[in-house]
Amino acid sequence: MWRGPDQQAAKRTLFEQWGEKDVPLAARDLTKIPESRFRPPFVFLKDCTDVRLADFTLRHSPFWCIHLFQCDGVDIRRVTVDAHMGNNDAIDIESTRNVLIEDCTLSPGDDIVCIKSGRDRDGRRRARPTENVVVRRVTADSGHAFLGIGSELSGGLRNILMEDCAMEGTCDYIFRLKTTRTRGGFVENVTMRRITAKHASVNAVDFNTAYYTDAASVVKTEVAPTTVKGVH
């Protein structure tokens, strides 16, 4: 896993020197941070339209398993994820709209389905919300949060529905929203309904509005609270 002093140095370069100073994305060459050792996602799609991912199994991803970034029109069906390393989110939807995830079996080492839209100044400047996401008939047997919101949500999130899903093993949280004082953005109209779960080891429902505020990697930047409304 990517831990320790090297991780913190790389984060400071990425967040403080590049993200907070509006360095163009084309100039952010991660290979020039020799200590970074960034782990890649397994499936990463950027700026795509009319995406369909169906009928395959993904195992042992080094980082996030499936990451959709700035896409429009996403259909994920009958996908199986079996990945248990650190930060192995099964599906991350970021700054993406019009998404359907259904009939999947997901067993990750981190969040099962996670909704994001960019981090701090970068995310607010881009202002690309994630919106219109439906998750249904998903089964999981392990993970951190069944539905994770954030912590990168600076572009905003709206219209998220998760229904008719089952956590058949143990997760830490059924629903978890994470933000902090520098994130900004908004969360609007998030619904979970008809969810069954055998065991949540920490909290069934968890709101954390001070996520990593005391960590060494937190960037000291402008205060930008997140507004949250319409969570059911």
Protein backbone atom coordinates (compact mmCIF):
# COMPACT_ATOMS: atom_id res chain seq x y z
CA MET A 1 0.00 0.00 0.00
CA TRP A 2 1.01 3.62 -0.57
CA ARG A 3 1.80 4.84 2.94
CA GLY A 4 4.30 6.71 5.04
CA PRO A 5 6.49 9.83 4.55
CA ASP A 6 6.79 9.35 0.79
CA GLN A 7 3.02 9.41 0.47
CA GLN A 8 2.75 12.68 2.36
CA ALA A 9 5.45 14.35 0.25
CA ALA A 10 3.73 13.29 -2.96
CA LYS A 11 0.37 14.51 -1.67
CA ARG A 12 1.81 17.90 -0.83
CA THR A 13 3.11 18.25 -4.38
CA LEU A 14 -0.17 17.09 -5.91
CA PHE A 15 -2.52 19.13 -3.72
CA GLU A 16 -0.57 22.19 -2.57
CA GLN A 17 1.77 22.90 -5.49
CA TRP A 18 -0.42 21.72 -8.38
CA GLY A 19 -4.05 21.63 -7.33
CA GLU A 20 -4.16 24.79 -5.23
CA LYS A 21 -2.06 26.82 -7.68
CA ASP A 22 -4.08 25.94 -10.79
CA VAL A 23 -1.26 24.12 -12.56
CA PRO A 24 -2.67 22.84 -15.90
CA LEU A 25 -3.43 19.13 -15.91
CA ALA A 26 -1.09 18.57 -18.86
CA ALA A 27 1.79 19.83 -16.71
CA ARG A 28 1.09 17.52 -13.77
CA ASP A 29 3.52 14.75 -14.60
CA LEU A 30 3.31 12.26 -11.75
CA THR A 31 6.45 10.47 -12.99
CA LYS A 32 8.38 13.55 -11.83
CA ILE A 33 7.48 12.76 -8.24
CA PRO A 34 9.88 9.83 -7.79
CA GLU A 35 8.69 9.10 -4.26
CA SER A 36 5.02 8.95 -5.22
CA ARG A 37 4.51 5.31 -6.22
CA PHE A 38 0.96 6.06 -7.31
CA ARG A 39 -1.14 2.94 -7.80
CA PRO A 40 -3.30 2.95 -10.94
CA PRO A 41 -6.99 2.08 -11.12
CA PHE A 42 -7.87 -1.06 -13.03
CA VAL A 43 -10.51 0.43 -15.37
CA PHE A 44 -10.44 4.21 -15.91
CA LEU A 45 -12.63 5.97 -18.48
CA LYS A 46 -12.45 9.75 -19.00
CA ASP A 47 -14.64 12.05 -21.11
CA CYS A 48 -16.59 9.16 -22.61
CA THR A 49 -20.23 9.02 -23.70
CA ASP A 50 -22.57 6.05 -23.96
CA VAL A 51 -20.43 3.68 -21.92
CA ARG A 52 -21.47 0.08 -21.32
CA LEU A 53 -19.59 -2.26 -18.99
CA ALA A 54 -21.17 -5.69 -18.69
CA ASP A 55 -20.59 -9.37 -17.99
CA PHE A 56 -17.04 -9.54 -16.70
CA THR A 57 -15.18 -10.24 -13.46
CA LEU A 58 -12.43 -8.00 -12.11
CA ARG A 59 -9.96 -9.23 -9.50
CA HIS A 60 -6.98 -7.84 -7.56
CA SER A 61 -7.00 -4.23 -8.72
CA PRO A 62 -4.02 -2.24 -7.35
CA PHE A 63 -6.31 0.73 -6.58
CA TRP A 64 -9.90 1.71 -7.46
CA CYS A 65 -11.45 -1.03 -9.55
CA ILE A 66 -13.72 0.92 -11.92
CA HIS A 67 -13.43 4.72 -12.17
CA LEU A 68 -15.67 6.80 -14.47
CA PHE A 69 -14.53 10.43 -14.79
CA GLN A 70 -16.43 13.18 -16.63
CA CYS A 71 -18.54 10.70 -18.58
CA ASP A 72 -22.15 10.95 -19.73
CA GLY A 73 -24.41 7.95 -20.15
CA VAL A 74 -22.99 4.98 -18.24
CA ASP A 75 -24.51 1.49 -18.03
CA ILE A 76 -22.78 -1.02 -15.71
CA ARG A 77 -24.48 -4.44 -15.52
CA ARG A 78 -23.67 -7.92 -14.26
CA VAL A 79 -20.13 -7.00 -13.24
CA THR A 80 -18.36 -8.91 -10.48
CA VAL A 81 -15.58 -7.32 -8.43
CA ASP A 82 -13.36 -9.36 -6.10
CA ALA A 83 -10.55 -7.11 -4.83
CA HIS A 84 -9.28 -6.73 -1.28
CA MET A 85 -6.20 -4.51 -1.25
CA GLY A 86 -6.27 -1.07 0.34
CA ASN A 87 -8.37 1.65 -1.34
CA ASN A 88 -10.04 -0.93 -3.59
CA ASP A 89 -13.32 0.92 -4.17
CA ALA A 90 -15.41 -1.26 -6.46
CA ILE A 91 -17.06 1.52 -8.51
CA ASP A 92 -16.21 5.24 -8.35
CA ILE A 93 -18.46 7.66 -10.24
CA GLU A 94 -16.81 11.10 -10.49
CA SER A 95 -18.12 14.22 -12.24
CA THR A 96 -20.27 11.91 -14.35
CA ARG A 97 -23.96 12.05 -15.20
CA ASN A 98 -26.76 9.67 -16.19
CA VAL A 99 -25.49 6.44 -14.67
CA LEU A 100 -27.19 3.07 -14.16
CA ILE A 101 -25.51 0.35 -12.07
CA GLU A 102 -27.51 -2.85 -11.67
CA ASP A 103 -27.29 -6.60 -11.06
CA CYS A 104 -23.65 -6.46 -9.93
CA THR A 105 -21.81 -8.49 -7.28
CA LEU A 106 -19.18 -6.36 -5.60
CA SER A 107 -16.67 -7.43 -2.95
CA PRO A 108 -13.99 -4.73 -2.55
CA GLY A 109 -11.50 -3.74 0.13
CA ASP A 110 -13.01 -0.25 0.45
CA ASP A 111 -16.28 1.42 -0.62
CA ILE A 112 -18.70 -0.61 -2.71
CA VAL A 113 -20.20 2.30 -4.68
CA CYS A 114 -18.65 5.73 -4.19
CA ILE A 115 -19.88 9.05 -5.62
CA LYS A 116 -17.35 11.87 -6.13
CA SER A 117 -16.84 15.13 -8.06
CA GLY A 118 -13.33 16.46 -7.51
CA ARG A 119 -11.31 17.75 -4.59
CA ASP A 120 -11.08 21.27 -3.15
CA ARG A 121 -10.00 24.08 -5.50
CA ASP A 122 -9.57 21.73 -8.47
CA GLY A 123 -13.08 20.37 -8.12
CA ARG A 124 -14.70 23.75 -7.53
CA ARG A 125 -12.93 25.28 -10.51
CA ARG A 126 -13.98 22.43 -12.79
CA ALA A 127 -17.54 22.54 -11.39
CA ARG A 128 -18.62 19.23 -12.91
CA PRO A 129 -21.21 17.65 -10.60
CA THR A 130 -22.10 13.99 -10.51
CA GLU A 131 -25.83 13.70 -11.11
CA ASN A 132 -28.59 11.27 -11.99
CA VAL A 133 -27.17 8.01 -10.67
CA VAL A 134 -29.27 4.89 -10.06
CA VAL A 135 -27.85 1.83 -8.27
CA ARG A 136 -30.14 -1.19 -7.94
CA ARG A 137 -29.99 -4.92 -7.27
CA VAL A 138 -26.34 -4.78 -6.19
CA THR A 139 -25.11 -7.49 -3.83
CA ALA A 140 -21.99 -7.18 -1.66
CA ASP A 141 -20.38 -9.34 0.99
CA SER A 142 -17.69 -6.98 2.31
CA GLY A 143 -16.49 -3.41 2.12
CA HIS A 144 -16.15 -0.08 3.87
CA ALA A 145 -19.32 1.86 2.91
CA PHE A 146 -22.10 0.30 0.87
CA LEU A 147 -22.84 3.78 -0.51
CA GLY A 148 -20.04 6.31 0.00
CA ILE A 149 -20.52 10.01 -0.72
CA GLY A 150 -17.23 11.95 -1.07
CA SER A 151 -14.95 12.82 0.37
CA GLU A 152 -14.04 14.41 -2.98
CA LEU A 153 -17.31 16.21 -3.77
CA SER A 154 -16.23 19.77 -4.54
CA GLY A 155 -18.09 19.87 -7.86
CA GLY A 156 -21.35 18.85 -6.18
CA LEU A 157 -23.57 15.75 -6.21
CA ARG A 158 -27.28 15.50 -6.92
CA ASN A 159 -29.99 12.93 -7.65
CA ILE A 160 -28.44 9.71 -6.34
CA LEU A 161 -30.70 6.68 -5.78
CA MET A 162 -29.68 3.30 -4.37
CA GLU A 163 -32.47 0.73 -4.01
CA ASP A 164 -33.15 -3.00 -3.66
CA CYS A 165 -29.55 -3.82 -2.70
CA ALA A 166 -28.20 -6.32 -0.19
CA MET A 167 -25.13 -6.39 2.03
CA GLU A 168 -24.81 -10.09 2.77
CA GLY A 169 -21.65 -9.92 4.87
CA THR A 170 -20.04 -7.21 6.99
CA CYS A 171 -19.31 -3.62 6.03
CA ASP A 172 -18.27 -0.67 8.19
CA TYR A 173 -21.14 1.60 7.07
CA ILE A 174 -24.32 1.20 5.05
CA PHE A 175 -24.31 4.90 4.14
CA ARG A 176 -21.39 7.26 4.71
CA LEU A 177 -21.01 10.92 3.73
CA LYS A 178 -17.50 12.39 4.05
CA THR A 179 -16.50 16.01 3.61
CA THR A 180 -14.31 18.60 5.32
CA ARG A 181 -13.96 22.34 5.69
CA THR A 182 -12.06 22.80 2.39
CA ARG A 183 -14.26 20.70 0.09
CA GLY A 184 -17.10 23.06 -0.79
CA GLY A 185 -19.60 21.70 -3.28
CA PHE A 186 -23.05 20.43 -2.39
CA VAL A 187 -24.99 17.22 -1.81
CA GLU A 188 -28.64 17.21 -2.90
CA ASN A 189 -31.31 14.55 -3.19
CA VAL A 190 -29.67 11.29 -2.12
CA THR A 191 -31.97 8.34 -1.37
CA MET A 192 -31.37 4.79 -0.14
CA ARG A 193 -34.43 2.53 0.10
CA ARG A 194 -35.19 -1.15 0.46
CA ILE A 195 -31.64 -1.96 1.55
CA THR A 196 -30.95 -5.12 3.54
CA ALA A 197 -27.76 -5.60 5.52
CA LYS A 198 -26.61 -8.26 7.94
CA HIS A 199 -24.01 -6.27 9.86
CA ALA A 200 -22.48 -2.78 9.97
CA SER A 201 -19.42 -2.87 12.20
CA VAL A 202 -19.20 0.90 12.87
CA ASN A 203 -22.40 2.84 12.01
CA ALA A 204 -25.30 2.08 9.72
CA VAL A 205 -25.53 5.78 8.81
CA ASP A 206 -22.54 8.10 9.20
CA PHE A 207 -21.98 11.81 8.44
CA ASN A 208 -18.36 12.96 8.83
CA THR A 209 -17.90 16.69 8.18
CA ALA A 210 -14.33 16.80 9.50
CA TYR A 211 -12.80 14.08 7.36
CA TYR A 212 -8.98 14.04 7.76
CA THR A 213 -8.89 17.54 9.23
CA ASP A 214 -6.02 16.58 11.52
CA ALA A 215 -4.02 14.54 9.03
CA ALA A 216 -0.60 15.72 7.91
CA SER A 217 -1.74 15.65 4.29
CA VAL A 218 -4.51 18.23 4.67
CA VAL A 219 -3.93 21.34 2.59
CA LYS A 220 -4.29 24.60 4.51
CA THR A 221 -6.50 26.42 2.03
CA GLU A 222 -9.66 28.50 1.97
CA VAL A 223 -12.59 27.37 4.08
CA ALA A 224 -15.45 26.16 1.88
CA PRO A 225 -18.22 24.28 3.71
CA THR A 226 -20.35 21.70 1.91
CA THR A 227 -24.11 22.21 1.83
CA VAL A 228 -26.15 19.05 2.35
CA LYS A 229 -29.91 18.67 1.88
CA GLY A 230 -32.41 16.06 0.87
CA VAL A 231 -30.72 12.90 2.18
CA HIS A 232 -33.22 10.09 2.82
